[in-house]
Amino acid sequence: MKENNAEVFKTKFTSHSIAVTDRKKATLTGVVRVESSNATEIILVSCLGRLVISGSELKIERFDEASGDLALSGNIDGIKYTAAKQSLLKRIFK
């Protein structure tokens, strides 16, 4: 069952942060869940929205769903927040 996008961001976490060190390591807080992960892209949902991390040799080192903490390593090329996709009906009946 697919979750309502508005409900995804309603979590127990109230803040979100990202710390990147030398474009090789990153730690994040306020992570709700990891949607997908491979060597070139990690897609996750934070309490403030969907986040796409791109690069090469990316690897999630640690993810604690209870605390929302995530650590990753690899060659980080970009970090981008993306808007949650609206349903087709909402786009049609704006």
PDB file of N, CA and C in Angstrom:
ATOM      1  N   MET A   1       0.834  -1.179   0.000  1.00  0.00           N
ATOM      2  CA  MET A   1       0.000   0.000   0.000  1.00  0.00           C
ATOM      3  C   MET A   1       0.881   1.246   0.000  1.00  0.00           C
ATOM      4  N   LYS A   2       0.630   2.157  -0.906  1.00  0.00           N
ATOM      5  CA  LYS A   2       1.424   3.367  -1.039  1.00  0.00           C
ATOM      6  C   LYS A   2       0.921   4.421  -0.057  1.00  0.00           C
ATOM      7  N   GLU A   3       1.867   5.070   0.619  1.00  0.00           N
ATOM      8  CA  GLU A   3       1.518   6.078   1.607  1.00  0.00           C
ATOM      9  C   GLU A   3       1.177   7.393   0.920  1.00  0.00           C
ATOM     10  N   ASN A   4       0.311   8.152   1.545  1.00  0.00           N
ATOM     11  CA  ASN A   4       0.003   9.492   1.088  1.00  0.00           C
ATOM     12  C   ASN A   4       1.249  10.347   1.305  1.00  0.00           C
ATOM     13  N   ASN A   5       1.650  11.119   0.290  1.00  0.00           N
ATOM     14  CA  ASN A   5       2.873  11.913   0.388  1.00  0.00           C
ATOM     15  C   ASN A   5       2.847  12.883   1.561  1.00  0.00           C
ATOM     16  N   ALA A   6       1.692  13.464   1.862  1.00  0.00           N
ATOM     17  CA  ALA A   6       1.599  14.389   2.985  1.00  0.00           C
ATOM     18  C   ALA A   6       1.867  13.679   4.303  1.00  0.00           C
ATOM     19  N   GLU A   7       1.463  12.422   4.399  1.00  0.00           N
ATOM     20  CA  GLU A   7       1.646  11.659   5.622  1.00  0.00           C
ATOM     21  C   GLU A   7       3.100  11.219   5.817  1.00  0.00           C
ATOM     22  N   VAL A   8       3.850  11.083   4.738  1.00  0.00           N
ATOM     23  CA  VAL A   8       5.234  10.614   4.821  1.00  0.00           C
ATOM     24  C   VAL A   8       6.068  11.537   5.700  1.00  0.00           C
ATOM     25  N   PHE A   9       5.852  12.850   5.571  1.00  0.00           N
ATOM     26  CA  PHE A   9       6.689  13.814   6.262  1.00  0.00           C
ATOM     27  C   PHE A   9       6.232  14.097   7.690  1.00  0.00           C
ATOM     28  N   LYS A  10       5.056  13.597   8.094  1.00  0.00           N
ATOM     29  CA  LYS A  10       4.579  13.755   9.467  1.00  0.00           C
ATOM     30  C   LYS A  10       5.212  12.666  10.310  1.00  0.00           C
ATOM     31  N   THR A  11       6.286  13.005  10.963  1.00  0.00           N
ATOM     32  CA  THR A  11       7.030  12.016  11.736  1.00  0.00           C
ATOM     33  C   THR A  11       7.347  12.558  13.109  1.00  0.00           C
ATOM     34  N   LYS A  12       8.012  11.733  13.876  1.00  0.00           N
ATOM     35  CA  LYS A  12       8.429  12.166  15.204  1.00  0.00           C
ATOM     36  C   LYS A  12       9.634  13.103  15.139  1.00  0.00           C
ATOM     37  N   PHE A  13      10.303  13.176  13.987  1.00  0.00           N
ATOM     38  CA  PHE A  13      11.463  14.044  13.847  1.00  0.00           C
ATOM     39  C   PHE A  13      11.012  15.458  13.504  1.00  0.00           C
ATOM     40  N   THR A  14      11.611  16.435  14.142  1.00  0.00           N
ATOM     41  CA  THR A  14      11.225  17.820  13.887  1.00  0.00           C
ATOM     42  C   THR A  14      12.345  18.625  13.240  1.00  0.00           C
ATOM     43  N   SER A  15      13.535  18.052  13.167  1.00  0.00           N
ATOM     44  CA  SER A  15      14.633  18.768  12.525  1.00  0.00           C
ATOM     45  C   SER A  15      15.438  17.801  11.662  1.00  0.00           C
ATOM     46  N   HIS A  16      16.187  18.392  10.758  1.00  0.00           N
ATOM     47  CA  HIS A  16      16.962  17.612   9.790  1.00  0.00           C
ATOM     48  C   HIS A  16      18.272  18.354   9.554  1.00  0.00           C
ATOM     49  N   SER A  17      19.369  17.616   9.502  1.00  0.00           N
ATOM     50  CA  SER A  17      20.654  18.256   9.210  1.00  0.00           C
ATOM     51  C   SER A  17      21.509  17.336   8.356  1.00  0.00           C
ATOM     52  N   ILE A  18      22.444  17.962   7.642  1.00  0.00           N
ATOM     53  CA  ILE A  18      23.397  17.236   6.812  1.00  0.00           C
ATOM     54  C   ILE A  18      24.779  17.808   7.106  1.00  0.00           C
ATOM     55  N   ALA A  19      25.739  16.932   7.356  1.00  0.00           N
ATOM     56  CA  ALA A  19      27.127  17.352   7.522  1.00  0.00           C
ATOM     57  C   ALA A  19      27.964  16.535   6.551  1.00  0.00           C
ATOM     58  N   VAL A  20      28.679  17.218   5.658  1.00  0.00           N
ATOM     59  CA  VAL A  20      29.515  16.559   4.651  1.00  0.00           C
ATOM     60  C   VAL A  20      30.974  16.870   4.964  1.00  0.00           C
ATOM     61  N   THR A  21      31.810  15.842   4.948  1.00  0.00           N
ATOM     62  CA  THR A  21      33.231  16.004   5.209  1.00  0.00           C
ATOM     63  C   THR A  21      34.030  15.619   3.966  1.00  0.00           C
ATOM     64  N   ASP A  22      34.725  16.597   3.387  1.00  0.00           N
ATOM     65  CA  ASP A  22      35.604  16.379   2.227  1.00  0.00           C
ATOM     66  C   ASP A  22      34.922  15.678   1.053  1.00  0.00           C
ATOM     67  N   ARG A  23      33.616  15.820   0.925  1.00  0.00           N
ATOM     68  CA  ARG A  23      32.832  15.183  -0.147  1.00  0.00           C
ATOM     69  C   ARG A  23      33.008  13.666  -0.175  1.00  0.00           C
ATOM     70  N   LYS A  24      33.472  13.087   0.940  1.00  0.00           N
ATOM     71  CA  LYS A  24      33.697  11.640   1.027  1.00  0.00           C
ATOM     72  C   LYS A  24      32.790  10.976   2.053  1.00  0.00           C
ATOM     73  N   LYS A  25      32.353  11.733   3.042  1.00  0.00           N
ATOM     74  CA  LYS A  25      31.504  11.185   4.101  1.00  0.00           C
ATOM     75  C   LYS A  25      30.410  12.183   4.414  1.00  0.00           C
ATOM     76  N   ALA A  26      29.253  11.663   4.800  1.00  0.00           N
ATOM     77  CA  ALA A  26      28.148  12.531   5.201  1.00  0.00           C
ATOM     78  C   ALA A  26      27.374  11.871   6.331  1.00  0.00           C
ATOM     79  N   THR A  27      26.890  12.699   7.230  1.00  0.00           N
ATOM     80  CA  THR A  27      25.990  12.229   8.279  1.00  0.00           C
ATOM     81  C   THR A  27      24.723  13.068   8.193  1.00  0.00           C
ATOM     82  N   LEU A  28      23.597  12.414   8.345  1.00  0.00           N
ATOM     83  CA  LEU A  28      22.313  13.078   8.251  1.00  0.00           C
ATOM     84  C   LEU A  28      21.477  12.739   9.473  1.00  0.00           C
ATOM     85  N   THR A  29      20.630  13.661   9.884  1.00  0.00           N
ATOM     86  CA  THR A  29      19.662  13.406  10.942  1.00  0.00           C
ATOM     87  C   THR A  29      18.273  13.678  10.385  1.00  0.00           C
ATOM     88  N   GLY A  30      17.260  13.176  11.049  1.00  0.00           N
ATOM     89  CA  GLY A  30      15.888  13.398  10.621  1.00  0.00           C
ATOM     90  C   GLY A  30      15.482  12.570   9.416  1.00  0.00           C
ATOM     91  N   VAL A  31      16.164  11.438   9.193  1.00  0.00           N
ATOM     92  CA  VAL A  31      15.851  10.576   8.053  1.00  0.00           C
ATOM     93  C   VAL A  31      14.716   9.623   8.437  1.00  0.00           C
ATOM     94  N   VAL A  32      13.653   9.652   7.656  1.00  0.00           N
ATOM     95  CA  VAL A  32      12.488   8.807   7.913  1.00  0.00           C
ATOM     96  C   VAL A  32      12.694   7.413   7.342  1.00  0.00           C
ATOM     97  N   ARG A  33      13.140   7.360   6.087  1.00  0.00           N
ATOM     98  CA  ARG A  33      13.382   6.058   5.453  1.00  0.00           C
ATOM     99  C   ARG A  33      14.264   6.226   4.220  1.00  0.00           C
ATOM    100  N   VAL A  34      14.874   5.119   3.812  1.00  0.00           N
ATOM    101  CA  VAL A  34      15.675   5.075   2.584  1.00  0.00           C
ATOM    102  C   VAL A  34      14.800   4.422   1.526  1.00  0.00           C
ATOM    103  N   GLU A  35      14.560   5.126   0.422  1.00  0.00           N
ATOM    104  CA  GLU A  35      13.714   4.583  -0.650  1.00  0.00           C
ATOM    105  C   GLU A  35      14.506   3.684  -1.580  1.00  0.00           C
ATOM    106  N   SER A  36      15.734   4.082  -1.926  1.00  0.00           N
ATOM    107  CA  SER A  36      16.581   3.237  -2.769  1.00  0.00           C
ATOM    108  C   SER A  36      18.027   3.644  -2.576  1.00  0.00           C
ATOM    109  N   SER A  37      18.895   2.691  -2.897  1.00  0.00           N
ATOM    110  CA  SER A  37      20.317   2.937  -2.709  1.00  0.00           C
ATOM    111  C   SER A  37      21.119   2.082  -3.676  1.00  0.00           C
ATOM    112  N   ASN A  38      22.046   2.719  -4.385  1.00  0.00           N
ATOM    113  CA  ASN A  38      23.011   1.984  -5.200  1.00  0.00           C
ATOM    114  C   ASN A  38      24.309   2.786  -5.203  1.00  0.00           C
ATOM    115  N   ALA A  39      25.279   2.372  -5.973  1.00  0.00           N
ATOM    116  CA  ALA A  39      26.603   2.987  -5.943  1.00  0.00           C
ATOM    117  C   ALA A  39      26.621   4.422  -6.477  1.00  0.00           C
ATOM    118  N   THR A  40      25.601   4.831  -7.232  1.00  0.00           N
ATOM    119  CA  THR A  40      25.607   6.171  -7.825  1.00  0.00           C
ATOM    120  C   THR A  40      24.523   7.100  -7.288  1.00  0.00           C
ATOM    121  N   GLU A  41      23.540   6.557  -6.537  1.00  0.00           N
ATOM    122  CA  GLU A  41      22.446   7.392  -6.064  1.00  0.00           C
ATOM    123  C   GLU A  41      21.789   6.793  -4.824  1.00  0.00           C
ATOM    124  N   ILE A  42      21.535   7.650  -3.854  1.00  0.00           N
ATOM    125  CA  ILE A  42      20.794   7.260  -2.662  1.00  0.00           C
ATOM    126  C   ILE A  42      19.588   8.185  -2.584  1.00  0.00           C
ATOM    127  N   ILE A  43      18.394   7.613  -2.525  1.00  0.00           N
ATOM    128  CA  ILE A  43      17.170   8.393  -2.403  1.00  0.00           C
ATOM    129  C   ILE A  43      16.573   8.089  -1.044  1.00  0.00           C
ATOM    130  N   LEU A  44      16.333   9.157  -0.278  1.00  0.00           N
ATOM    131  CA  LEU A  44      15.772   8.968   1.056  1.00  0.00           C
ATOM    132  C   LEU A  44      14.718  10.024   1.325  1.00  0.00           C
ATOM    133  N   VAL A  45      13.958   9.793   2.383  1.00  0.00           N
ATOM    134  CA  VAL A  45      12.935  10.739   2.810  1.00  0.00           C
ATOM    135  C   VAL A  45      13.335  11.254   4.182  1.00  0.00           C
ATOM    136  N   SER A  46      13.445  12.567   4.294  1.00  0.00           N
ATOM    137  CA  SER A  46      13.731  13.191   5.587  1.00  0.00           C
ATOM    138  C   SER A  46      12.435  13.800   6.102  1.00  0.00           C
ATOM    139  N   CYS A  47      12.471  14.293   7.306  1.00  0.00           N
ATOM    140  CA  CYS A  47      11.272  14.916   7.857  1.00  0.00           C
ATOM    141  C   CYS A  47      10.918  16.211   7.132  1.00  0.00           C
ATOM    142  N   LEU A  48      11.834  16.737   6.315  1.00  0.00           N
ATOM    143  CA  LEU A  48      11.576  17.961   5.562  1.00  0.00           C
ATOM    144  C   LEU A  48      11.437  17.736   4.067  1.00  0.00           C
ATOM    145  N   GLY A  49      11.435  16.501   3.614  1.00  0.00           N
ATOM    146  CA  GLY A  49      11.231  16.235   2.197  1.00  0.00           C
ATOM    147  C   GLY A  49      12.133  15.137   1.660  1.00  0.00           C
ATOM    148  N   ARG A  50      11.905  14.832   0.383  1.00  0.00           N
ATOM    149  CA  ARG A  50      12.675  13.791  -0.304  1.00  0.00           C
ATOM    150  C   ARG A  50      14.037  14.361  -0.683  1.00  0.00           C
ATOM    151  N   LEU A  51      15.073  13.525  -0.564  1.00  0.00           N
ATOM    152  CA  LEU A  51      16.442  13.954  -0.777  1.00  0.00           C
ATOM    153  C   LEU A  51      17.142  12.949  -1.680  1.00  0.00           C
ATOM    154  N   VAL A  52      17.851  13.447  -2.704  1.00  0.00           N
ATOM    155  CA  VAL A  52      18.608  12.597  -3.619  1.00  0.00           C
ATOM    156  C   VAL A  52      20.083  12.960  -3.485  1.00  0.00           C
ATOM    157  N   ILE A  53      20.900  11.958  -3.167  1.00  0.00           N
ATOM    158  CA  ILE A  53      22.349  12.140  -3.057  1.00  0.00           C
ATOM    159  C   ILE A  53      22.971  11.388  -4.215  1.00  0.00           C
ATOM    160  N   SER A  54      23.742  12.088  -5.040  1.00  0.00           N
ATOM    161  CA  SER A  54      24.348  11.450  -6.207  1.00  0.00           C
ATOM    162  C   SER A  54      25.859  11.472  -6.095  1.00  0.00           C
ATOM    163  N   GLY A  55      26.483  10.535  -6.795  1.00  0.00           N
ATOM    164  CA  GLY A  55      27.942  10.446  -6.782  1.00  0.00           C
ATOM    165  C   GLY A  55      28.400   9.108  -7.309  1.00  0.00           C
ATOM    166  N   SER A  56      29.505   8.615  -6.761  1.00  0.00           N
ATOM    167  CA  SER A  56      30.014   7.305  -7.156  1.00  0.00           C
ATOM    168  C   SER A  56      30.512   6.585  -5.909  1.00  0.00           C
ATOM    169  N   GLU A  57      30.501   5.286  -5.966  1.00  0.00           N
ATOM    170  CA  GLU A  57      30.944   4.440  -4.854  1.00  0.00           C
ATOM    171  C   GLU A  57      30.211   4.766  -3.546  1.00  0.00           C
ATOM    172  N   LEU A  58      28.940   5.188  -3.671  1.00  0.00           N
ATOM    173  CA  LEU A  58      28.160   5.540  -2.487  1.00  0.00           C
ATOM    174  C   LEU A  58      27.756   4.280  -1.724  1.00  0.00           C
ATOM    175  N   LYS A  59      27.825   4.385  -0.412  1.00  0.00           N
ATOM    176  CA  LYS A  59      27.488   3.241   0.440  1.00  0.00           C
ATOM    177  C   LYS A  59      26.930   3.766   1.762  1.00  0.00           C
ATOM    178  N   ILE A  60      25.797   3.224   2.171  1.00  0.00           N
ATOM    179  CA  ILE A  60      25.246   3.574   3.478  1.00  0.00           C
ATOM    180  C   ILE A  60      26.012   2.773   4.519  1.00  0.00           C
ATOM    181  N   GLU A  61      26.680   3.478   5.398  1.00  0.00           N
ATOM    182  CA  GLU A  61      27.471   2.826   6.446  1.00  0.00           C
ATOM    183  C   GLU A  61      26.598   2.426   7.631  1.00  0.00           C
ATOM    184  N   ARG A  62      25.646   3.312   7.960  1.00  0.00           N
ATOM    185  CA  ARG A  62      24.815   3.061   9.133  1.00  0.00           C
ATOM    186  C   ARG A  62      23.505   3.818   8.971  1.00  0.00           C
ATOM    187  N   PHE A  63      22.396   3.166   9.315  1.00  0.00           N
ATOM    188  CA  PHE A  63      21.097   3.831   9.342  1.00  0.00           C
ATOM    189  C   PHE A  63      20.315   3.314  10.527  1.00  0.00           C
ATOM    190  N   ASP A  64      19.959   4.213  11.413  1.00  0.00           N
ATOM    191  CA  ASP A  64      19.160   3.878  12.589  1.00  0.00           C
ATOM    192  C   ASP A  64      17.790   4.525  12.399  1.00  0.00           C
ATOM    193  N   GLU A  65      16.815   3.714  12.029  1.00  0.00           N
ATOM    194  CA  GLU A  65      15.479   4.231  11.742  1.00  0.00           C
ATOM    195  C   GLU A  65      14.833   4.846  12.983  1.00  0.00           C
ATOM    196  N   ALA A  66      15.128   4.307  14.149  1.00  0.00           N
ATOM    197  CA  ALA A  66      14.528   4.818  15.388  1.00  0.00           C
ATOM    198  C   ALA A  66      14.985   6.237  15.703  1.00  0.00           C
ATOM    199  N   SER A  67      16.274   6.525  15.482  1.00  0.00           N
ATOM    200  CA  SER A  67      16.793   7.860  15.782  1.00  0.00           C
ATOM    201  C   SER A  67      16.806   8.771  14.557  1.00  0.00           C
ATOM    202  N   GLY A  68      16.706   8.192  13.350  1.00  0.00           N
ATOM    203  CA  GLY A  68      16.736   8.976  12.120  1.00  0.00           C
ATOM    204  C   GLY A  68      18.126   9.354  11.673  1.00  0.00           C
ATOM    205  N   ASP A  69      19.146   8.715  12.249  1.00  0.00           N
ATOM    206  CA  ASP A  69      20.530   9.022  11.895  1.00  0.00           C
ATOM    207  C   ASP A  69      21.017   8.110  10.766  1.00  0.00           C
ATOM    208  N   LEU A  70      21.713   8.700   9.791  1.00  0.00           N
ATOM    209  CA  LEU A  70      22.254   7.947   8.664  1.00  0.00           C
ATOM    210  C   LEU A  70      23.673   8.437   8.404  1.00  0.00           C
ATOM    211  N   ALA A  71      24.578   7.506   8.125  1.00  0.00           N
ATOM    212  CA  ALA A  71      25.954   7.839   7.744  1.00  0.00           C
ATOM    213  C   ALA A  71      26.244   7.168   6.417  1.00  0.00           C
ATOM    214  N   LEU A  72      26.900   7.891   5.514  1.00  0.00           N
ATOM    215  CA  LEU A  72      27.245   7.317   4.214  1.00  0.00           C
ATOM    216  C   LEU A  72      28.658   7.714   3.835  1.00  0.00           C
ATOM    217  N   SER A  73      29.216   6.939   2.903  1.00  0.00           N
ATOM    218  CA  SER A  73      30.555   7.241   2.395  1.00  0.00           C
ATOM    219  C   SER A  73      30.546   7.075   0.886  1.00  0.00           C
ATOM    220  N   GLY A  74      31.561   7.611   0.235  1.00  0.00           N
ATOM    221  CA  GLY A  74      31.692   7.541  -1.217  1.00  0.00           C
ATOM    222  C   GLY A  74      32.095   8.897  -1.752  1.00  0.00           C
ATOM    223  N   ASN A  75      32.019   9.057  -3.048  1.00  0.00           N
ATOM    224  CA  ASN A  75      32.344  10.321  -3.709  1.00  0.00           C
ATOM    225  C   ASN A  75      31.043  11.075  -3.955  1.00  0.00           C
ATOM    226  N   ILE A  76      30.778  12.084  -3.142  1.00  0.00           N
ATOM    227  CA  ILE A  76      29.509  12.807  -3.202  1.00  0.00           C
ATOM    228  C   ILE A  76      29.622  13.936  -4.219  1.00  0.00           C
ATOM    229  N   ASP A  77      28.771  13.871  -5.259  1.00  0.00           N
ATOM    230  CA  ASP A  77      28.766  14.896  -6.303  1.00  0.00           C
ATOM    231  C   ASP A  77      27.631  15.902  -6.128  1.00  0.00           C
ATOM    232  N   GLY A  78      26.514  15.465  -5.564  1.00  0.00           N
ATOM    233  CA  GLY A  78      25.387  16.376  -5.431  1.00  0.00           C
ATOM    234  C   GLY A  78      24.392  15.925  -4.385  1.00  0.00           C
ATOM    235  N   ILE A  79      23.720  16.910  -3.810  1.00  0.00           N
ATOM    236  CA  ILE A  79      22.650  16.665  -2.851  1.00  0.00           C
ATOM    237  C   ILE A  79      21.504  17.568  -3.273  1.00  0.00           C
ATOM    238  N   LYS A  80      20.334  16.971  -3.506  1.00  0.00           N
ATOM    239  CA  LYS A  80      19.217  17.745  -4.033  1.00  0.00           C
ATOM    240  C   LYS A  80      17.928  17.348  -3.339  1.00  0.00           C
ATOM    241  N   TYR A  81      17.177  18.342  -2.896  1.00  0.00           N
ATOM    242  CA  TYR A  81      15.839  18.101  -2.372  1.00  0.00           C
ATOM    243  C   TYR A  81      14.874  18.120  -3.548  1.00  0.00           C
ATOM    244  N   THR A  82      13.939  17.204  -3.538  1.00  0.00           N
ATOM    245  CA  THR A  82      12.939  17.160  -4.596  1.00  0.00           C
ATOM    246  C   THR A  82      11.563  17.221  -3.973  1.00  0.00           C
ATOM    247  N   ALA A  83      10.639  17.819  -4.682  1.00  0.00           N
ATOM    248  CA  ALA A  83       9.265  17.896  -4.197  1.00  0.00           C
ATOM    249  C   ALA A  83       8.603  16.543  -4.368  1.00  0.00           C
ATOM    250  N   ALA A  84       7.724  16.224  -3.450  1.00  0.00           N
ATOM    251  CA  ALA A  84       6.960  14.986  -3.564  1.00  0.00           C
ATOM    252  C   ALA A  84       6.044  15.111  -4.780  1.00  0.00           C
ATOM    253  N   LYS A  85       5.931  14.067  -5.542  1.00  0.00           N
ATOM    254  CA  LYS A  85       5.084  14.086  -6.724  1.00  0.00           C
ATOM    255  C   LYS A  85       3.616  14.143  -6.312  1.00  0.00           C
ATOM    256  N   GLN A  86       2.872  15.042  -6.962  1.00  0.00           N
ATOM    257  CA  GLN A  86       1.442  15.131  -6.713  1.00  0.00           C
ATOM    258  C   GLN A  86       0.729  14.054  -7.523  1.00  0.00           C
ATOM    259  N   SER A  87      -0.406  13.652  -7.032  1.00  0.00           N
ATOM    260  CA  SER A  87      -1.192  12.679  -7.771  1.00  0.00           C
ATOM    261  C   SER A  87      -1.714  13.331  -9.055  1.00  0.00           C
ATOM    262  N   LEU A  88      -2.049  12.514 -10.023  1.00  0.00           N
ATOM    263  CA  LEU A  88      -2.548  13.016 -11.307  1.00  0.00           C
ATOM    264  C   LEU A  88      -3.811  13.845 -11.103  1.00  0.00           C
ATOM    265  N   LEU A  89      -4.707  13.418 -10.251  1.00  0.00           N
ATOM    266  CA  LEU A  89      -5.950  14.154 -10.017  1.00  0.00           C
ATOM    267  C   LEU A  89      -5.689  15.546  -9.439  1.00  0.00           C
ATOM    268  N   LYS A  90      -4.734  15.650  -8.520  1.00  0.00           N
ATOM    269  CA  LYS A  90      -4.426  16.963  -7.939  1.00  0.00           C
ATOM    270  C   LYS A  90      -3.836  17.888  -8.984  1.00  0.00           C
ATOM    271  N   ARG A  91      -3.034  17.346  -9.909  1.00  0.00           N
ATOM    272  CA  ARG A  91      -2.450  18.193 -10.952  1.00  0.00           C
ATOM    273  C   ARG A  91      -3.511  18.643 -11.926  1.00  0.00           C
ATOM    274  N   ILE A  92      -4.472  17.790 -12.239  1.00  0.00           N
ATOM    275  CA  ILE A  92      -5.530  18.132 -13.200  1.00  0.00           C
ATOM    276  C   ILE A  92      -6.479  19.182 -12.634  1.00  0.00           C
ATOM    277  N   PHE A  93      -6.870  19.017 -11.362  1.00  0.00           N
ATOM    278  CA  PHE A  93      -7.877  19.875 -10.757  1.00  0.00           C
ATOM    279  C   PHE A  93      -7.285  20.965  -9.866  1.00  0.00           C
ATOM    280  N   LYS A  94      -6.218  21.592 -10.305  1.00  0.00           N
ATOM    281  CA  LYS A  94      -5.598  22.699  -9.556  1.00  0.00           C
ATOM    282  C   LYS A  94      -6.505  23.878  -9.485  1.00  0.00           C
TER     283      LYS A  94
END
